[in-house]
Amino acid sequence: MFLEMLPSQERFIRVKNGSGRTPRRRLYEAGNKNGKSEIGVAEDLAHALVYRPWLDEDDPDYTILIKVPNIGLVCGETVMHSIAEKIEPTFRRLAPKHAKPVWKPGPTGVLMKLTLTIDPKTGKKLGSQIYFRSYDQRPETFEGIDFDWIHWDEPPPEEHLKAAERGKVVTNAPSWFTMTPLKEPYIFDQFSSKAAIHL
């Protein structure tokens, strides 16, 4: 996967907390056309692979410390616009072909699950799975799987966030938000205003 990062995207993937580790929750807040969704999808794929293939192998941020295979969740505002028109095409553009991706559509024909079957670096079986949900689906559809990581593309309604993050009690899953913070004021109150580092 080739990705030439903008400075703000690079700060997002390299941000560290006071212990020198990647924070368990990260926010990339910016206006439109700033590469938010693209770097979010790149991080999704990187977590499924457990490394960032666009970085050099000796880069300190190349390896991601997470179990493999793992299960991730990507969330967008609507099925037909956010998932079908923005997120799925970005995944199809960035997903390594040597990972032998298996694309599973849902009843509407929109991507519901992506499985990376092969580690393109080693050629060995991988099996990481990425599920897709949208905020026009019922909050309870976000429950039932203990996800190992979560990507929120645009601010989720609070009930959707709570439903998905219940499983984080079990997995201590990291999550990241890529968003234009115009909706869902609770995001600012609970997360943005309390961020230790502002990118």
Foldseek 3Di string as FASTA:
>chain_A
DADDDDPLLVCQLCPADPVNHNDLEAEAADDPPRCLLLSLLQVVLCVCLQARVNDDPPDPSGGHPFDFNFEEEEEEADQVPPQAPPNVVSCVVPPDVLLVKDFDADPVRTTAKIFRQANSVPRDGTTHMYGYYHQVDDLQVLADDLGQEYEYEADHAPSNVVRNCVSCVVNVHGYYYRYHPPDDCVCCVPPVVPDPDDD
